[in-house]
């Protein structure tokens, strides 16, 4: 029996999704942080049920990181799990969100509190999707790419990425960087698929980033940093904390801040760290009053260290 395919897509990329499998049932969602909730997941599951999707169904997910998080989660719990394939349409999802099998949604404004790890059936990267990305959306992916190379800089890809990302968009120069960044994450996930230890290094910049996203959600209009922009700020935050704790030499944070700024990324938190304290305390990486925080030793080498939440 032929496998039935179902398409779940971000409404912003409907024209791509509709051409993927023209005769397949398709369901569009609003893929943003406000709609990244269990309610959206249940809507997708209801739609699959109404369409008669069975255990042999294949859900094709077209969109960015929010889309893969939401729809991947829905596919993973519908009838105790059906297969899903990812077609990332943003740079951020190509280098990060589509790799590793993490799915999930927010709970009461706190990032990714509900979810599970379940790898996709396949991931297909089409760089032509990037041609229609707004500059700001492109820069959000640039932050995750730079983060990957700060974790592992084999081949000197960090320096290459800064050069390419700070200049005009050139798909032929970007493609090798996309695959290199993806390889960083794939190698780490392959050794630690369920984030028992090593995989935690991929959270570089995310403790502060998630806190910023929580903070701005408390009062719409404060700031509107995207996830990637918040990660950029979080990486520099981690670098400055690393200097203060003696994990790296002086000057690293300023160098990274200058590189990130050259790529059009923000580097300064929008508020005092004290205002982020509630989110730090509820971070998924917290163990009591201690947060498993990723510190930077140098470009290409990081470590996970237990940091008291008060020290942040």
Protein backbone atom coordinates (compact mmCIF):
# COMPACT_ATOMS: atom_id res chain seq x y z
CA UNK A 1 0.00 0.00 0.00
CA UNK A 2 1.31 3.45 -0.95
CA UNK A 3 2.35 5.72 1.91
CA UNK A 4 -0.09 8.58 2.40
CA UNK A 5 1.57 11.96 2.75
CA UNK A 6 0.27 14.95 4.68
CA UNK A 7 1.80 18.42 4.54
CA UNK A 8 1.97 20.77 7.53
CA UNK A 9 3.43 24.15 6.69
CA UNK A 10 4.06 27.67 7.90
CA UNK A 11 1.52 29.95 6.22
CA UNK A 12 4.40 32.23 5.21
CA UNK A 13 5.77 29.55 2.86
CA UNK A 14 2.52 28.25 1.44
CA UNK A 15 3.68 28.53 -2.17
CA UNK A 16 6.61 26.21 -1.48
CA UNK A 17 4.50 23.75 0.47
CA UNK A 18 1.78 23.53 -2.17
CA UNK A 19 4.27 22.56 -4.87
CA UNK A 20 5.98 19.87 -2.77
CA UNK A 21 3.22 17.28 -3.11
CA UNK A 22 0.39 19.07 -4.96
CA UNK A 23 -2.23 16.37 -4.40
CA UNK A 24 -1.51 15.76 -0.70
CA UNK A 25 -3.77 17.15 2.05
CA UNK A 26 -2.17 20.28 3.47
CA UNK A 27 -2.62 22.21 6.72
CA UNK A 28 -1.19 25.68 7.35
CA UNK A 29 -0.27 27.03 10.77
CA UNK A 30 0.85 30.35 12.19
CA UNK A 31 4.40 29.45 13.17
CA UNK A 32 5.50 31.92 15.82
CA UNK A 33 6.24 31.84 19.54
CA UNK A 34 2.70 32.93 20.46
CA UNK A 35 1.26 29.91 18.62
CA UNK A 36 3.97 27.47 19.69
CA UNK A 37 1.65 25.83 22.18
CA UNK A 38 0.06 22.48 22.92
CA UNK A 39 -3.18 23.89 21.47
CA UNK A 40 -1.60 24.15 18.01
CA UNK A 41 -0.20 20.63 18.36
CA UNK A 42 -3.67 19.29 19.19
CA UNK A 43 -5.16 21.13 16.20
CA UNK A 44 -2.67 19.35 13.91
CA UNK A 45 -3.46 15.99 15.51
CA UNK A 46 -7.21 16.56 15.07
CA UNK A 47 -6.65 17.48 11.43
CA UNK A 48 -4.60 14.32 10.84
CA UNK A 49 -7.36 12.27 12.43
CA UNK A 50 -10.02 13.96 10.29
CA UNK A 51 -7.93 13.21 7.19
CA UNK A 52 -7.77 9.54 8.12
CA UNK A 53 -4.01 9.46 8.69
CA UNK A 54 -2.94 6.03 9.94
CA UNK A 55 0.26 4.67 11.49
CA UNK A 56 1.92 4.47 8.07
CA UNK A 57 1.41 8.18 7.35
CA UNK A 58 4.32 10.49 6.50
CA UNK A 59 3.99 14.11 7.60
CA UNK A 60 5.99 16.56 5.48
CA UNK A 61 6.88 19.64 7.51
CA UNK A 62 7.68 22.81 5.56
CA UNK A 63 8.91 25.90 7.40
CA UNK A 64 11.41 27.16 9.93
CA UNK A 65 12.34 26.11 13.44
CA UNK A 66 8.97 26.89 15.02
CA UNK A 67 7.22 24.81 12.38
CA UNK A 68 9.48 21.79 12.84
CA UNK A 69 9.19 22.03 16.63
CA UNK A 70 5.38 22.15 16.53
CA UNK A 71 4.61 19.78 13.67
CA UNK A 72 7.40 17.37 14.60
CA UNK A 73 5.93 17.14 18.10
CA UNK A 74 2.44 16.56 16.70
CA UNK A 75 3.67 13.77 14.40
CA UNK A 76 5.64 12.22 17.26
CA UNK A 77 2.60 11.83 19.51
CA UNK A 78 -0.16 11.22 16.96
CA UNK A 79 -1.13 7.54 17.25
CA UNK A 80 2.02 7.15 19.38
CA UNK A 81 4.19 8.42 16.59
CA UNK A 82 4.12 8.61 12.80
CA UNK A 83 7.05 9.45 10.55
CA UNK A 84 7.80 13.03 9.61
CA UNK A 85 10.21 14.63 7.14
CA UNK A 86 11.57 18.16 7.37
CA UNK A 87 11.93 20.72 4.59
CA UNK A 88 13.60 23.65 6.38
CA UNK A 89 13.01 27.03 4.74
CA UNK A 90 15.16 29.25 6.97
CA UNK A 91 18.89 29.34 7.58
CA UNK A 92 18.30 28.80 11.30
CA UNK A 93 16.34 25.62 10.72
CA UNK A 94 18.83 24.34 8.13
CA UNK A 95 21.83 24.60 10.45
CA UNK A 96 20.12 23.85 13.77
CA UNK A 97 16.42 23.18 14.30
CA UNK A 98 16.05 20.46 11.65
CA UNK A 99 18.93 18.41 13.07
CA UNK A 100 18.84 16.30 16.22
CA UNK A 101 15.18 15.38 16.59
CA UNK A 102 14.22 17.89 19.27
CA UNK A 103 10.55 18.85 19.13
CA UNK A 104 8.43 20.84 21.54
CA UNK A 105 6.25 23.77 22.45
CA UNK A 106 6.16 26.49 25.08
CA UNK A 107 4.23 26.42 28.35
CA UNK A 108 2.98 29.68 29.91
CA UNK A 109 5.62 31.60 27.96
CA UNK A 110 8.53 29.40 29.06
CA UNK A 111 10.47 27.96 26.13
CA UNK A 112 10.10 24.34 25.02
CA UNK A 113 8.81 23.02 28.32
CA UNK A 114 6.79 20.30 26.58
CA UNK A 115 8.34 18.04 23.98
CA UNK A 116 10.41 15.01 23.17
CA UNK A 117 13.36 13.88 21.08
CA UNK A 118 12.42 11.89 17.99
CA UNK A 119 14.45 12.07 14.80
CA UNK A 120 12.80 12.88 11.47
CA UNK A 121 12.53 10.28 8.71
CA UNK A 122 14.62 12.59 6.52
CA UNK A 123 15.70 16.21 6.10
CA UNK A 124 15.89 17.86 2.68
CA UNK A 125 17.72 21.17 2.27
CA UNK A 126 16.85 23.42 -0.66
CA UNK A 127 18.92 26.60 -0.57
CA UNK A 128 16.61 28.35 -3.02
CA UNK A 129 14.24 28.83 -0.09
CA UNK A 130 16.79 31.26 1.39
CA UNK A 131 16.47 33.65 -1.56
CA UNK A 132 13.13 34.90 -0.29
CA UNK A 133 14.19 35.31 3.36
CA UNK A 134 13.99 38.83 4.81
CA UNK A 135 17.47 40.03 5.90
CA UNK A 136 16.55 39.90 9.56
CA UNK A 137 15.37 36.29 9.31
CA UNK A 138 18.59 35.39 7.55
CA UNK A 139 20.65 36.98 10.33
CA UNK A 140 18.78 34.91 12.91
CA UNK A 141 20.16 31.81 11.26
CA UNK A 142 23.60 33.38 11.12
CA UNK A 143 23.65 33.45 14.93
CA UNK A 144 23.08 29.69 15.19
CA UNK A 145 25.72 29.05 12.54
CA UNK A 146 28.34 31.11 14.39
CA UNK A 147 27.36 29.36 17.63
CA UNK A 148 28.06 25.99 16.02
CA UNK A 149 31.55 27.00 15.00
CA UNK A 150 32.33 28.48 18.42
CA UNK A 151 31.59 25.00 19.76
CA UNK A 152 33.67 23.18 17.13
CA UNK A 153 35.94 25.11 14.77
CA UNK A 154 37.58 22.26 12.85
CA UNK A 155 38.56 23.64 9.46
CA UNK A 156 38.47 27.25 10.64
CA UNK A 157 34.82 27.62 9.66
CA UNK A 158 34.15 30.30 12.28
CA UNK A 159 36.44 32.76 10.53
CA UNK A 160 35.05 31.77 7.12
CA UNK A 161 31.48 32.23 8.37
CA UNK A 162 32.16 35.72 9.76
CA UNK A 163 33.62 36.73 6.39
CA UNK A 164 30.71 35.34 4.37
CA UNK A 165 27.91 36.41 6.73
CA UNK A 166 29.19 39.97 7.04
CA UNK A 167 29.19 40.42 3.26
CA UNK A 168 26.56 40.26 0.48
CA UNK A 169 24.48 37.10 0.21
CA UNK A 170 26.21 34.47 -1.96
CA UNK A 171 24.47 31.06 -1.98
CA UNK A 172 27.51 29.26 -3.43
CA UNK A 173 29.66 30.42 -0.50
CA UNK A 174 26.94 29.75 2.06
CA UNK A 175 26.18 26.13 1.17
CA UNK A 176 29.50 24.66 2.47
CA UNK A 177 28.97 26.56 5.73
CA UNK A 178 25.44 25.16 6.10
CA UNK A 179 26.71 21.60 5.75
CA UNK A 180 29.69 22.25 8.03
CA UNK A 181 27.46 23.69 10.76
CA UNK A 182 25.06 20.80 10.36
CA UNK A 183 27.95 18.35 10.69
CA UNK A 184 28.94 19.93 14.02
CA UNK A 185 25.50 19.22 15.42
CA UNK A 186 25.19 15.80 13.78
CA UNK A 187 28.48 14.60 15.26
CA UNK A 188 27.50 15.73 18.75
CA UNK A 189 23.96 14.36 18.56
CA UNK A 190 25.29 11.06 17.22
CA UNK A 191 27.33 10.64 20.39
CA UNK A 192 24.61 11.84 22.78
CA UNK A 193 21.15 11.69 21.16
CA UNK A 194 19.19 12.25 24.38
CA UNK A 195 21.24 15.07 25.88
CA UNK A 196 22.64 13.05 28.76
CA UNK A 197 25.95 14.90 28.68
CA UNK A 198 27.85 16.04 25.57
CA UNK A 199 24.84 17.37 23.68
CA UNK A 200 24.39 20.05 26.32
CA UNK A 201 27.14 22.10 24.65
CA UNK A 202 24.67 22.85 21.83
CA UNK A 203 22.79 25.02 24.32
CA UNK A 204 25.51 27.67 24.10
CA UNK A 205 23.79 31.05 24.32
CA UNK A 206 20.35 29.54 24.88
CA UNK A 207 19.95 30.01 28.63
CA UNK A 208 20.08 33.78 28.23
CA UNK A 209 18.23 33.65 24.89
CA UNK A 210 15.25 31.79 26.32
CA UNK A 211 15.17 34.17 29.26
CA UNK A 212 15.07 37.17 26.90
CA UNK A 213 12.25 35.59 24.91
CA UNK A 214 10.33 35.00 28.14
CA UNK A 215 11.02 38.56 29.34
CA UNK A 216 9.77 40.23 26.19
CA UNK A 217 6.66 38.01 26.11
CA UNK A 218 5.65 39.35 29.54
CA UNK A 219 5.03 42.82 28.12
CA UNK A 220 4.54 42.99 24.34
CA UNK A 221 6.35 45.98 22.92
CA UNK A 222 9.39 45.74 25.17
CA UNK A 223 11.58 44.26 22.44
CA UNK A 224 10.88 41.81 19.63
CA UNK A 225 14.10 39.88 19.26
CA UNK A 226 13.79 36.71 17.22
CA UNK A 227 15.14 33.45 18.61
CA UNK A 228 18.35 33.79 16.60
CA UNK A 229 18.88 37.39 17.68
CA UNK A 230 18.35 36.36 21.31
CA UNK A 231 20.88 33.54 20.84
CA UNK A 232 23.42 36.06 19.54
CA UNK A 233 22.98 38.12 22.70
CA UNK A 234 23.14 34.93 24.75
CA UNK A 235 26.46 33.87 23.22
CA UNK A 236 28.06 37.20 24.09
CA UNK A 237 26.50 36.99 27.57
CA UNK A 238 28.12 33.54 27.92
CA UNK A 239 31.47 34.91 26.73
CA UNK A 240 31.43 37.71 29.30
CA UNK A 241 30.45 35.28 32.04
CA UNK A 242 33.25 32.98 30.88
CA UNK A 243 35.78 35.80 31.27
CA UNK A 244 34.44 36.70 34.69
CA UNK A 245 34.70 33.07 35.86
CA UNK A 246 38.20 32.66 34.41
CA UNK A 247 37.19 30.09 31.79
CA UNK A 248 38.81 32.11 29.01
CA UNK A 249 41.24 34.95 28.57
CA UNK A 250 40.28 38.62 28.59
CA UNK A 251 39.21 40.08 25.27
CA UNK A 252 37.37 37.07 23.85
CA UNK A 253 33.93 38.55 24.55
CA UNK A 254 34.81 41.82 22.82
CA UNK A 255 36.14 39.94 19.77
CA UNK A 256 33.00 37.82 19.49
CA UNK A 257 30.80 40.90 19.99
CA UNK A 258 32.61 42.70 17.16
CA UNK A 259 32.25 39.67 14.86
CA UNK A 260 28.56 39.26 15.63
CA UNK A 261 27.92 42.98 15.16
CA UNK A 262 29.67 42.82 11.76
CA UNK A 263 27.13 40.15 10.80
CA UNK A 264 24.29 42.48 11.80
CA UNK A 265 23.47 40.76 15.08
CA UNK A 266 22.61 42.36 18.44
CA UNK A 267 25.03 41.72 21.29
CA UNK A 268 23.66 43.55 24.36
CA UNK A 269 20.84 42.24 26.62
CA UNK A 270 17.72 44.44 26.55
CA UNK A 271 17.47 44.53 30.34
CA UNK A 272 19.37 43.90 33.55
CA UNK A 273 20.15 40.25 34.27
CA UNK A 274 18.08 40.48 37.47
CA UNK A 275 14.93 40.87 35.35
CA UNK A 276 15.70 37.56 33.66
CA UNK A 277 16.05 35.70 36.98
CA UNK A 278 12.62 34.00 36.92
CA UNK A 279 13.37 32.47 33.53
CA UNK A 280 16.86 31.40 34.61
CA UNK A 281 15.32 29.59 37.59
CA UNK A 282 12.87 27.67 35.36
CA UNK A 283 15.40 26.85 32.65
CA UNK A 284 15.32 23.19 31.54
CA UNK A 285 19.03 22.94 32.28
CA UNK A 286 18.58 23.95 35.92
CA UNK A 287 19.36 21.44 38.65
CA UNK A 288 17.96 23.01 41.77
CA UNK A 289 19.64 26.40 42.16
CA UNK A 290 22.44 25.46 39.74
CA UNK A 291 22.21 25.85 35.97
CA UNK A 292 24.27 23.70 33.62
CA UNK A 293 25.66 26.66 31.71
CA UNK A 294 27.83 26.47 28.59
CA UNK A 295 31.03 28.49 29.00
CA UNK A 296 33.48 29.37 26.22
CA UNK A 297 37.15 28.52 26.68
CA UNK A 298 38.16 29.65 23.21
CA UNK A 299 36.71 29.63 19.71
CA UNK A 300 36.25 25.94 19.04
CA UNK A 301 36.19 24.78 22.65
CA UNK A 302 33.41 25.05 25.22
CA UNK A 303 32.47 23.28 28.43
CA UNK A 304 29.40 22.78 30.60
CA UNK A 305 29.74 24.15 34.11
CA UNK A 306 27.33 24.24 37.01
CA UNK A 307 26.68 27.94 37.69
CA UNK A 308 24.51 29.16 40.60
CA UNK A 309 21.54 31.02 39.16
CA UNK A 310 22.41 34.03 41.33
CA UNK A 311 25.76 34.34 39.54
CA UNK A 312 24.00 34.97 36.24
